[in-house]
């Protein structure tokens, strides 16, 4: 699974920053049928966690109502230079991850 992450490259200490992630995933709801009329198994990203320098700052638990290629946006406080690590899992057990660094000044 591919993902695009957007985290500011730099921020001032204490600044509230916007973080965005878009994950490429079909997000099968389990309600569709294939060309032979058989149900397509449900397979959605069911959990996303973001850690900032090892501390969890965001968690999302998703279900079949989420769109394909989910896009999430949230905010965090820039405390120190370091790394945001994003990890997610789908119903089939596939895992994905992405990383982004930030430099904090002041």
PDB file of N, CA and C in Angstrom:
ATOM      1  N   UNK A   1       0.837  -1.174   0.000  1.00  0.00           N
ATOM      2  CA  UNK A   1       0.000   0.000   0.000  1.00  0.00           C
ATOM      3  C   UNK A   1       0.884   1.240   0.000  1.00  0.00           C
ATOM      4  N   UNK A   2       0.594   2.127  -0.884  1.00  0.00           N
ATOM      5  CA  UNK A   2       1.333   3.381  -0.956  1.00  0.00           C
ATOM      6  C   UNK A   2       0.605   4.454  -0.172  1.00  0.00           C
ATOM      7  N   UNK A   3       1.358   5.412   0.329  1.00  0.00           N
ATOM      8  CA  UNK A   3       0.755   6.520   1.065  1.00  0.00           C
ATOM      9  C   UNK A   3       1.514   7.798   0.754  1.00  0.00           C
ATOM     10  N   UNK A   4       0.770   8.903   0.795  1.00  0.00           N
ATOM     11  CA  UNK A   4       1.372  10.232   0.686  1.00  0.00           C
ATOM     12  C   UNK A   4       1.146  10.915   2.030  1.00  0.00           C
ATOM     13  N   UNK A   5       2.234  11.395   2.607  1.00  0.00           N
ATOM     14  CA  UNK A   5       2.179  12.066   3.901  1.00  0.00           C
ATOM     15  C   UNK A   5       2.643  13.497   3.716  1.00  0.00           C
ATOM     16  N   UNK A   6       1.954  14.403   4.390  1.00  0.00           N
ATOM     17  CA  UNK A   6       2.375  15.798   4.344  1.00  0.00           C
ATOM     18  C   UNK A   6       2.528  16.305   5.778  1.00  0.00           C
ATOM     19  N   UNK A   7       3.786  16.591   6.142  1.00  0.00           N
ATOM     20  CA  UNK A   7       4.158  17.147   7.435  1.00  0.00           C
ATOM     21  C   UNK A   7       5.066  18.333   7.134  1.00  0.00           C
ATOM     22  N   UNK A   8       4.882  19.479   7.813  1.00  0.00           N
ATOM     23  CA  UNK A   8       5.786  20.605   7.549  1.00  0.00           C
ATOM     24  C   UNK A   8       7.241  20.206   7.793  1.00  0.00           C
ATOM     25  N   UNK A   9       8.147  20.720   6.969  1.00  0.00           N
ATOM     26  CA  UNK A   9       9.566  20.409   7.161  1.00  0.00           C
ATOM     27  C   UNK A   9      10.114  21.091   8.403  1.00  0.00           C
ATOM     28  N   UNK A  10       9.599  22.306   8.672  1.00  0.00           N
ATOM     29  CA  UNK A  10      10.046  23.071   9.829  1.00  0.00           C
ATOM     30  C   UNK A  10       8.859  23.674  10.554  1.00  0.00           C
ATOM     31  N   UNK A  11       9.029  23.873  11.866  1.00  0.00           N
ATOM     32  CA  UNK A  11       8.014  24.547  12.679  1.00  0.00           C
ATOM     33  C   UNK A  11       8.697  25.115  13.903  1.00  0.00           C
ATOM     34  N   UNK A  12       8.055  26.095  14.512  1.00  0.00           N
ATOM     35  CA  UNK A  12       8.563  26.653  15.764  1.00  0.00           C
ATOM     36  C   UNK A  12       8.038  25.818  16.924  1.00  0.00           C
ATOM     37  N   UNK A  13       8.840  25.706  17.967  1.00  0.00           N
ATOM     38  CA  UNK A  13       8.431  24.940  19.144  1.00  0.00           C
ATOM     39  C   UNK A  13       7.107  25.488  19.670  1.00  0.00           C
ATOM     40  N   UNK A  14       6.147  24.596  19.914  1.00  0.00           N
ATOM     41  CA  UNK A  14       4.839  24.979  20.410  1.00  0.00           C
ATOM     42  C   UNK A  14       3.820  25.285  19.327  1.00  0.00           C
ATOM     43  N   UNK A  15       4.260  25.359  18.070  1.00  0.00           N
ATOM     44  CA  UNK A  15       3.351  25.651  16.952  1.00  0.00           C
ATOM     45  C   UNK A  15       2.433  24.454  16.682  1.00  0.00           C
ATOM     46  N   UNK A  16       1.184  24.742  16.384  1.00  0.00           N
ATOM     47  CA  UNK A  16       0.247  23.694  15.993  1.00  0.00           C
ATOM     48  C   UNK A  16       0.416  23.467  14.498  1.00  0.00           C
ATOM     49  N   UNK A  17       0.697  22.220  14.124  1.00  0.00           N
ATOM     50  CA  UNK A  17       0.949  21.895  12.719  1.00  0.00           C
ATOM     51  C   UNK A  17      -0.145  20.970  12.186  1.00  0.00           C
ATOM     52  N   UNK A  18      -0.374  21.076  10.886  1.00  0.00           N
ATOM     53  CA  UNK A  18      -1.360  20.219  10.221  1.00  0.00           C
ATOM     54  C   UNK A  18      -0.637  19.043   9.576  1.00  0.00           C
ATOM     55  N   UNK A  19      -1.193  17.864   9.771  1.00  0.00           N
ATOM     56  CA  UNK A  19      -0.623  16.635   9.222  1.00  0.00           C
ATOM     57  C   UNK A  19      -1.683  15.969   8.357  1.00  0.00           C
ATOM     58  N   UNK A  20      -1.270  15.510   7.183  1.00  0.00           N
ATOM     59  CA  UNK A  20      -2.195  14.864   6.254  1.00  0.00           C
ATOM     60  C   UNK A  20      -1.610  13.545   5.776  1.00  0.00           C
ATOM     61  N   UNK A  21      -2.498  12.581   5.576  1.00  0.00           N
ATOM     62  CA  UNK A  21      -2.072  11.301   5.001  1.00  0.00           C
ATOM     63  C   UNK A  21      -3.171  10.793   4.071  1.00  0.00           C
ATOM     64  N   UNK A  22      -2.761  10.336   2.892  1.00  0.00           N
ATOM     65  CA  UNK A  22      -3.661   9.697   1.930  1.00  0.00           C
ATOM     66  C   UNK A  22      -3.065   8.327   1.613  1.00  0.00           C
ATOM     67  N   UNK A  23      -3.868   7.284   1.805  1.00  0.00           N
ATOM     68  CA  UNK A  23      -3.394   5.912   1.606  1.00  0.00           C
ATOM     69  C   UNK A  23      -4.119   5.303   0.411  1.00  0.00           C
ATOM     70  N   UNK A  24      -3.361   4.752  -0.527  1.00  0.00           N
ATOM     71  CA  UNK A  24      -3.982   4.082  -1.669  1.00  0.00           C
ATOM     72  C   UNK A  24      -4.443   2.694  -1.250  1.00  0.00           C
ATOM     73  N   UNK A  25      -5.767   2.496  -1.251  1.00  0.00           N
ATOM     74  CA  UNK A  25      -6.346   1.217  -0.855  1.00  0.00           C
ATOM     75  C   UNK A  25      -7.763   1.151  -1.411  1.00  0.00           C
ATOM     76  N   UNK A  26      -8.168   0.022  -1.973  1.00  0.00           N
ATOM     77  CA  UNK A  26      -9.487  -0.106  -2.614  1.00  0.00           C
ATOM     78  C   UNK A  26     -10.648  -0.024  -1.634  1.00  0.00           C
ATOM     79  N   UNK A  27     -10.425  -0.443  -0.405  1.00  0.00           N
ATOM     80  CA  UNK A  27     -11.456  -0.381   0.632  1.00  0.00           C
ATOM     81  C   UNK A  27     -12.737  -1.105   0.208  1.00  0.00           C
ATOM     82  N   UNK A  28     -12.643  -2.411   0.055  1.00  0.00           N
ATOM     83  CA  UNK A  28     -13.821  -3.224  -0.295  1.00  0.00           C
ATOM     84  C   UNK A  28     -14.761  -3.327   0.904  1.00  0.00           C
ATOM     85  N   UNK A  29     -16.028  -2.978   0.698  1.00  0.00           N
ATOM     86  CA  UNK A  29     -17.007  -2.932   1.791  1.00  0.00           C
ATOM     87  C   UNK A  29     -17.568  -4.293   2.162  1.00  0.00           C
ATOM     88  N   UNK A  30     -17.464  -5.272   1.271  1.00  0.00           N
ATOM     89  CA  UNK A  30     -18.065  -6.582   1.505  1.00  0.00           C
ATOM     90  C   UNK A  30     -19.471  -6.675   0.936  1.00  0.00           C
ATOM     91  N   UNK A  31     -19.969  -5.591   0.331  1.00  0.00           N
ATOM     92  CA  UNK A  31     -21.322  -5.564  -0.218  1.00  0.00           C
ATOM     93  C   UNK A  31     -21.353  -5.725  -1.734  1.00  0.00           C
ATOM     94  N   UNK A  32     -20.173  -5.696  -2.383  1.00  0.00           N
ATOM     95  CA  UNK A  32     -20.129  -5.816  -3.842  1.00  0.00           C
ATOM     96  C   UNK A  32     -19.980  -7.275  -4.260  1.00  0.00           C
ATOM     97  N   UNK A  33     -20.342  -7.539  -5.507  1.00  0.00           N
ATOM     98  CA  UNK A  33     -20.200  -8.877  -6.091  1.00  0.00           C
ATOM     99  C   UNK A  33     -19.193  -8.821  -7.223  1.00  0.00           C
ATOM    100  N   UNK A  34     -18.485  -9.948  -7.451  1.00  0.00           N
ATOM    101  CA  UNK A  34     -17.570 -10.004  -8.585  1.00  0.00           C
ATOM    102  C   UNK A  34     -18.360 -10.296  -9.862  1.00  0.00           C
ATOM    103  N   UNK A  35     -17.666 -10.505 -10.973  1.00  0.00           N
ATOM    104  CA  UNK A  35     -18.317 -10.742 -12.276  1.00  0.00           C
ATOM    105  C   UNK A  35     -19.129 -12.035 -12.318  1.00  0.00           C
ATOM    106  N   UNK A  36     -18.922 -12.930 -11.350  1.00  0.00           N
ATOM    107  CA  UNK A  36     -19.637 -14.198 -11.310  1.00  0.00           C
ATOM    108  C   UNK A  36     -20.729 -14.208 -10.241  1.00  0.00           C
ATOM    109  N   UNK A  37     -20.985 -13.046  -9.630  1.00  0.00           N
ATOM    110  CA  UNK A  37     -22.037 -12.930  -8.632  1.00  0.00           C
ATOM    111  C   UNK A  37     -21.637 -13.357  -7.235  1.00  0.00           C
ATOM    112  N   UNK A  38     -20.348 -13.609  -7.029  1.00  0.00           N
ATOM    113  CA  UNK A  38     -19.864 -13.993  -5.697  1.00  0.00           C
ATOM    114  C   UNK A  38     -19.499 -12.735  -4.906  1.00  0.00           C
ATOM    115  N   UNK A  39     -19.765 -12.755  -3.615  1.00  0.00           N
ATOM    116  CA  UNK A  39     -19.416 -11.592  -2.791  1.00  0.00           C
ATOM    117  C   UNK A  39     -17.900 -11.361  -2.763  1.00  0.00           C
ATOM    118  N   UNK A  40     -17.490 -10.108  -2.821  1.00  0.00           N
ATOM    119  CA  UNK A  40     -16.088  -9.729  -2.660  1.00  0.00           C
ATOM    120  C   UNK A  40     -15.879  -9.493  -1.167  1.00  0.00           C
ATOM    121  N   UNK A  41     -14.905 -10.144  -0.601  1.00  0.00           N
ATOM    122  CA  UNK A  41     -14.666 -10.066   0.842  1.00  0.00           C
ATOM    123  C   UNK A  41     -14.383  -8.642   1.299  1.00  0.00           C
ATOM    124  N   UNK A  42     -14.896  -8.306   2.464  1.00  0.00           N
ATOM    125  CA  UNK A  42     -14.634  -6.995   3.064  1.00  0.00           C
ATOM    126  C   UNK A  42     -13.144  -6.874   3.331  1.00  0.00           C
ATOM    127  N   UNK A  43     -12.575  -5.753   2.945  1.00  0.00           N
ATOM    128  CA  UNK A  43     -11.171  -5.487   3.190  1.00  0.00           C
ATOM    129  C   UNK A  43     -10.967  -3.978   3.218  1.00  0.00           C
ATOM    130  N   UNK A  44     -11.003  -3.419   4.419  1.00  0.00           N
ATOM    131  CA  UNK A  44     -10.790  -1.987   4.602  1.00  0.00           C
ATOM    132  C   UNK A  44      -9.644  -1.782   5.580  1.00  0.00           C
ATOM    133  N   UNK A  45      -9.037  -0.619   5.503  1.00  0.00           N
ATOM    134  CA  UNK A  45      -8.048  -0.260   6.516  1.00  0.00           C
ATOM    135  C   UNK A  45      -8.831  -0.055   7.800  1.00  0.00           C
ATOM    136  N   UNK A  46      -8.509  -0.824   8.820  1.00  0.00           N
ATOM    137  CA  UNK A  46      -9.299  -0.747  10.043  1.00  0.00           C
ATOM    138  C   UNK A  46      -8.609   0.006  11.171  1.00  0.00           C
ATOM    139  N   UNK A  47      -7.318   0.252  11.054  1.00  0.00           N
ATOM    140  CA  UNK A  47      -6.615   0.984  12.106  1.00  0.00           C
ATOM    141  C   UNK A  47      -5.450   1.768  11.524  1.00  0.00           C
ATOM    142  N   UNK A  48      -5.319   3.012  11.990  1.00  0.00           N
ATOM    143  CA  UNK A  48      -4.184   3.869  11.635  1.00  0.00           C
ATOM    144  C   UNK A  48      -3.690   4.504  12.918  1.00  0.00           C
ATOM    145  N   UNK A  49      -2.377   4.446  13.131  1.00  0.00           N
ATOM    146  CA  UNK A  49      -1.760   5.060  14.305  1.00  0.00           C
ATOM    147  C   UNK A  49      -0.624   5.943  13.818  1.00  0.00           C
ATOM    148  N   UNK A  50      -0.506   7.135  14.429  1.00  0.00           N
ATOM    149  CA  UNK A  50       0.624   8.018  14.150  1.00  0.00           C
ATOM    150  C   UNK A  50       1.360   8.280  15.458  1.00  0.00           C
ATOM    151  N   UNK A  51       2.673   8.081  15.432  1.00  0.00           N
ATOM    152  CA  UNK A  51       3.515   8.361  16.592  1.00  0.00           C
ATOM    153  C   UNK A  51       4.511   9.468  16.235  1.00  0.00           C
ATOM    154  N   UNK A  52       4.711  10.360  17.171  1.00  0.00           N
ATOM    155  CA  UNK A  52       5.653  11.475  17.014  1.00  0.00           C
ATOM    156  C   UNK A  52       6.758  11.255  18.027  1.00  0.00           C
ATOM    157  N   UNK A  53       7.943  10.935  17.529  1.00  0.00           N
ATOM    158  CA  UNK A  53       9.081  10.600  18.392  1.00  0.00           C
ATOM    159  C   UNK A  53       8.712   9.514  19.404  1.00  0.00           C
ATOM    160  N   UNK A  54       7.948   8.529  18.932  1.00  0.00           N
ATOM    161  CA  UNK A  54       7.605   7.377  19.758  1.00  0.00           C
ATOM    162  C   UNK A  54       6.337   7.506  20.576  1.00  0.00           C
ATOM    163  N   UNK A  55       5.753   8.716  20.651  1.00  0.00           N
ATOM    164  CA  UNK A  55       4.536   8.935  21.423  1.00  0.00           C
ATOM    165  C   UNK A  55       3.331   8.988  20.488  1.00  0.00           C
ATOM    166  N   UNK A  56       2.313   8.200  20.796  1.00  0.00           N
ATOM    167  CA  UNK A  56       1.110   8.198  19.966  1.00  0.00           C
ATOM    168  C   UNK A  56       0.421   9.557  20.042  1.00  0.00           C
ATOM    169  N   UNK A  57       0.188  10.172  18.858  1.00  0.00           N
ATOM    170  CA  UNK A  57      -0.488  11.473  18.801  1.00  0.00           C
ATOM    171  C   UNK A  57      -1.813  11.408  18.057  1.00  0.00           C
ATOM    172  N   UNK A  58      -2.073  10.306  17.350  1.00  0.00           N
ATOM    173  CA  UNK A  58      -3.323  10.173  16.607  1.00  0.00           C
ATOM    174  C   UNK A  58      -3.613   8.695  16.387  1.00  0.00           C
ATOM    175  N   UNK A  59      -4.906   8.337  16.516  1.00  0.00           N
ATOM    176  CA  UNK A  59      -5.357   6.968  16.239  1.00  0.00           C
ATOM    177  C   UNK A  59      -6.716   7.062  15.580  1.00  0.00           C
ATOM    178  N   UNK A  60      -6.916   6.269  14.535  1.00  0.00           N
ATOM    179  CA  UNK A  60      -8.217   6.193  13.860  1.00  0.00           C
ATOM    180  C   UNK A  60      -8.598   4.734  13.705  1.00  0.00           C
ATOM    181  N   UNK A  61      -9.824   4.416  14.060  1.00  0.00           N
ATOM    182  CA  UNK A  61     -10.386   3.080  13.857  1.00  0.00           C
ATOM    183  C   UNK A  61     -11.458   3.243  12.794  1.00  0.00           C
ATOM    184  N   UNK A  62     -11.295   2.584  11.659  1.00  0.00           N
ATOM    185  CA  UNK A  62     -12.183   2.785  10.513  1.00  0.00           C
ATOM    186  C   UNK A  62     -12.987   1.536  10.217  1.00  0.00           C
ATOM    187  N   UNK A  63     -14.085   1.727   9.497  1.00  0.00           N
ATOM    188  CA  UNK A  63     -14.949   0.620   9.108  1.00  0.00           C
ATOM    189  C   UNK A  63     -15.311   0.716   7.647  1.00  0.00           C
ATOM    190  N   UNK A  64     -16.338  -0.017   7.245  1.00  0.00           N
ATOM    191  CA  UNK A  64     -16.690  -0.107   5.828  1.00  0.00           C
ATOM    192  C   UNK A  64     -17.250   1.196   5.269  1.00  0.00           C
ATOM    193  N   UNK A  65     -17.566   2.167   6.101  1.00  0.00           N
ATOM    194  CA  UNK A  65     -18.092   3.438   5.614  1.00  0.00           C
ATOM    195  C   UNK A  65     -17.034   4.390   5.087  1.00  0.00           C
ATOM    196  N   UNK A  66     -15.755   4.071   5.272  1.00  0.00           N
ATOM    197  CA  UNK A  66     -14.679   4.949   4.812  1.00  0.00           C
ATOM    198  C   UNK A  66     -14.477   4.771   3.309  1.00  0.00           C
ATOM    199  N   UNK A  67     -14.137   5.839   2.627  1.00  0.00           N
ATOM    200  CA  UNK A  67     -13.975   5.825   1.171  1.00  0.00           C
ATOM    201  C   UNK A  67     -12.698   5.094   0.748  1.00  0.00           C
ATOM    202  N   UNK A  68     -12.669   4.711  -0.512  1.00  0.00           N
ATOM    203  CA  UNK A  68     -11.438   4.159  -1.082  1.00  0.00           C
ATOM    204  C   UNK A  68     -10.369   5.241  -1.019  1.00  0.00           C
ATOM    205  N   UNK A  69      -9.120   4.827  -0.915  1.00  0.00           N
ATOM    206  CA  UNK A  69      -7.996   5.751  -0.829  1.00  0.00           C
ATOM    207  C   UNK A  69      -8.228   6.788   0.272  1.00  0.00           C
ATOM    208  N   UNK A  70      -8.376   6.341   1.515  1.00  0.00           N
ATOM    209  CA  UNK A  70      -8.740   7.258   2.589  1.00  0.00           C
ATOM    210  C   UNK A  70      -7.737   8.385   2.793  1.00  0.00           C
ATOM    211  N   UNK A  71      -8.283   9.545   3.108  1.00  0.00           N
ATOM    212  CA  UNK A  71      -7.521  10.754   3.383  1.00  0.00           C
ATOM    213  C   UNK A  71      -7.872  11.197   4.797  1.00  0.00           C
ATOM    214  N   UNK A  72      -6.865  11.389   5.632  1.00  0.00           N
ATOM    215  CA  UNK A  72      -7.090  11.845   6.998  1.00  0.00           C
ATOM    216  C   UNK A  72      -6.219  13.065   7.266  1.00  0.00           C
ATOM    217  N   UNK A  73      -6.740  13.940   8.100  1.00  0.00           N
ATOM    218  CA  UNK A  73      -6.039  15.168   8.445  1.00  0.00           C
ATOM    219  C   UNK A  73      -6.222  15.407   9.940  1.00  0.00           C
ATOM    220  N   UNK A  74      -5.148  15.789  10.624  1.00  0.00           N
ATOM    221  CA  UNK A  74      -5.224  16.089  12.047  1.00  0.00           C
ATOM    222  C   UNK A  74      -4.120  17.077  12.400  1.00  0.00           C
ATOM    223  N   UNK A  75      -4.111  17.525  13.638  1.00  0.00           N
ATOM    224  CA  UNK A  75      -3.130  18.508  14.093  1.00  0.00           C
ATOM    225  C   UNK A  75      -2.325  17.949  15.263  1.00  0.00           C
ATOM    226  N   UNK A  76      -1.111  18.461  15.395  1.00  0.00           N
ATOM    227  CA  UNK A  76      -0.240  18.104  16.509  1.00  0.00           C
ATOM    228  C   UNK A  76       0.562  19.339  16.890  1.00  0.00           C
ATOM    229  N   UNK A  77       1.143  19.316  18.063  1.00  0.00           N
ATOM    230  CA  UNK A  77       1.987  20.423  18.531  1.00  0.00           C
ATOM    231  C   UNK A  77       3.443  20.050  18.278  1.00  0.00           C
ATOM    232  N   UNK A  78       4.166  20.939  17.595  1.00  0.00           N
ATOM    233  CA  UNK A  78       5.590  20.715  17.318  1.00  0.00           C
ATOM    234  C   UNK A  78       6.363  20.909  18.623  1.00  0.00           C
ATOM    235  N   UNK A  79       6.933  19.843  19.139  1.00  0.00           N
ATOM    236  CA  UNK A  79       7.637  19.911  20.420  1.00  0.00           C
ATOM    237  C   UNK A  79       9.146  19.801  20.261  1.00  0.00           C
ATOM    238  N   UNK A  80       9.578  18.933  19.344  1.00  0.00           N
ATOM    239  CA  UNK A  80      11.011  18.701  19.156  1.00  0.00           C
ATOM    240  C   UNK A  80      11.235  18.161  17.750  1.00  0.00           C
ATOM    241  N   UNK A  81      12.439  18.366  17.235  1.00  0.00           N
ATOM    242  CA  UNK A  81      12.787  17.782  15.947  1.00  0.00           C
ATOM    243  C   UNK A  81      12.679  16.273  16.058  1.00  0.00           C
ATOM    244  N   UNK A  82      12.260  15.641  14.993  1.00  0.00           N
ATOM    245  CA  UNK A  82      12.139  14.193  15.035  1.00  0.00           C
ATOM    246  C   UNK A  82      11.335  13.642  13.892  1.00  0.00           C
ATOM    247  N   UNK A  83      10.624  12.557  14.177  1.00  0.00           N
ATOM    248  CA  UNK A  83       9.973  11.799  13.114  1.00  0.00           C
ATOM    249  C   UNK A  83       8.541  11.422  13.492  1.00  0.00           C
ATOM    250  N   UNK A  84       7.663  11.552  12.509  1.00  0.00           N
ATOM    251  CA  UNK A  84       6.314  11.027  12.600  1.00  0.00           C
ATOM    252  C   UNK A  84       6.318   9.669  11.905  1.00  0.00           C
ATOM    253  N   UNK A  85       5.783   8.667  12.562  1.00  0.00           N
ATOM    254  CA  UNK A  85       5.686   7.323  11.981  1.00  0.00           C
ATOM    255  C   UNK A  85       4.211   6.955  11.909  1.00  0.00           C
ATOM    256  N   UNK A  86       3.749   6.622  10.711  1.00  0.00           N
ATOM    257  CA  UNK A  86       2.368   6.235  10.464  1.00  0.00           C
ATOM    258  C   UNK A  86       2.338   4.743  10.187  1.00  0.00           C
ATOM    259  N   UNK A  87       1.427   4.011  10.844  1.00  0.00           N
ATOM    260  CA  UNK A  87       1.287   2.572  10.621  1.00  0.00           C
ATOM    261  C   UNK A  87      -0.192   2.239  10.515  1.00  0.00           C
ATOM    262  N   UNK A  88      -0.546   1.355   9.566  1.00  0.00           N
ATOM    263  CA  UNK A  88      -1.931   0.978   9.387  1.00  0.00           C
ATOM    264  C   UNK A  88      -2.039  -0.496   9.042  1.00  0.00           C
ATOM    265  N   UNK A  89      -3.243  -1.047   9.269  1.00  0.00           N
ATOM    266  CA  UNK A  89      -3.524  -2.457   9.025  1.00  0.00           C
ATOM    267  C   UNK A  89      -4.887  -2.570   8.361  1.00  0.00           C
ATOM    268  N   UNK A  90      -5.026  -3.538   7.417  1.00  0.00           N
ATOM    269  CA  UNK A  90      -6.345  -3.762   6.814  1.00  0.00           C
ATOM    270  C   UNK A  90      -6.907  -5.102   7.284  1.00  0.00           C
ATOM    271  N   UNK A  91      -8.137  -5.399   6.858  1.00  0.00           N
ATOM    272  CA  UNK A  91      -8.821  -6.625   7.287  1.00  0.00           C
ATOM    273  C   UNK A  91      -8.109  -7.897   6.838  1.00  0.00           C
ATOM    274  N   UNK A  92      -7.328  -7.826   5.765  1.00  0.00           N
ATOM    275  CA  UNK A  92      -6.599  -8.995   5.274  1.00  0.00           C
ATOM    276  C   UNK A  92      -5.284  -9.199   6.028  1.00  0.00           C
ATOM    277  N   UNK A  93      -4.994  -8.296   6.979  1.00  0.00           N
ATOM    278  CA  UNK A  93      -3.768  -8.412   7.753  1.00  0.00           C
ATOM    279  C   UNK A  93      -2.574  -7.718   7.136  1.00  0.00           C
ATOM    280  N   UNK A  94      -2.769  -7.070   5.978  1.00  0.00           N
ATOM    281  CA  UNK A  94      -1.662  -6.342   5.362  1.00  0.00           C
ATOM    282  C   UNK A  94      -1.377  -5.092   6.164  1.00  0.00           C
ATOM    283  N   UNK A  95      -0.109  -4.809   6.295  1.00  0.00           N
ATOM    284  CA  UNK A  95       0.323  -3.642   7.053  1.00  0.00           C
ATOM    285  C   UNK A  95       1.069  -2.688   6.140  1.00  0.00           C
ATOM    286  N   UNK A  96       1.008  -1.434   6.486  1.00  0.00           N
ATOM    287  CA  UNK A  96       1.751  -0.426   5.753  1.00  0.00           C
ATOM    288  C   UNK A  96       2.309   0.585   6.726  1.00  0.00           C
ATOM    289  N   UNK A  97       3.322   1.315   6.286  1.00  0.00           N
ATOM    290  CA  UNK A  97       3.887   2.360   7.136  1.00  0.00           C
ATOM    291  C   UNK A  97       4.536   3.423   6.277  1.00  0.00           C
ATOM    292  N   UNK A  98       4.665   4.589   6.865  1.00  0.00           N
ATOM    293  CA  UNK A  98       5.312   5.729   6.202  1.00  0.00           C
ATOM    294  C   UNK A  98       5.926   6.581   7.300  1.00  0.00           C
ATOM    295  N   UNK A  99       6.948   7.348   6.947  1.00  0.00           N
ATOM    296  CA  UNK A  99       7.645   8.209   7.906  1.00  0.00           C
ATOM    297  C   UNK A  99       7.820   9.600   7.318  1.00  0.00           C
ATOM    298  N   UNK A 100       7.851  10.586   8.206  1.00  0.00           N
ATOM    299  CA  UNK A 100       8.124  11.960   7.791  1.00  0.00           C
ATOM    300  C   UNK A 100       8.855  12.664   8.922  1.00  0.00           C
ATOM    301  N   UNK A 101       9.841  13.467   8.578  1.00  0.00           N
ATOM    302  CA  UNK A 101      10.649  14.169   9.575  1.00  0.00           C
ATOM    303  C   UNK A 101      10.245  15.623   9.660  1.00  0.00           C
ATOM    304  N   UNK A 102      10.523  16.224  10.838  1.00  0.00           N
ATOM    305  CA  UNK A 102      10.272  17.643  11.060  1.00  0.00           C
ATOM    306  C   UNK A 102      11.447  18.210  11.857  1.00  0.00           C
ATOM    307  N   UNK A 103      11.807  19.461  11.544  1.00  0.00           N
ATOM    308  CA  UNK A 103      12.815  20.183  12.300  1.00  0.00           C
ATOM    309  C   UNK A 103      12.101  21.269  13.082  1.00  0.00           C
ATOM    310  N   UNK A 104      12.303  21.271  14.395  1.00  0.00           N
ATOM    311  CA  UNK A 104      11.649  22.253  15.268  1.00  0.00           C
ATOM    312  C   UNK A 104      12.714  23.236  15.746  1.00  0.00           C
ATOM    313  N   UNK A 105      12.411  24.526  15.609  1.00  0.00           N
ATOM    314  CA  UNK A 105      13.332  25.584  16.004  1.00  0.00           C
ATOM    315  C   UNK A 105      12.754  26.394  17.146  1.00  0.00           C
ATOM    316  N   UNK A 106      13.608  27.103  17.820  1.00  0.00           N
ATOM    317  CA  UNK A 106      13.157  28.034  18.891  1.00  0.00           C
ATOM    318  C   UNK A 106      12.953  27.343  20.118  1.00  0.00           C
TER     319      UNK A 106
END
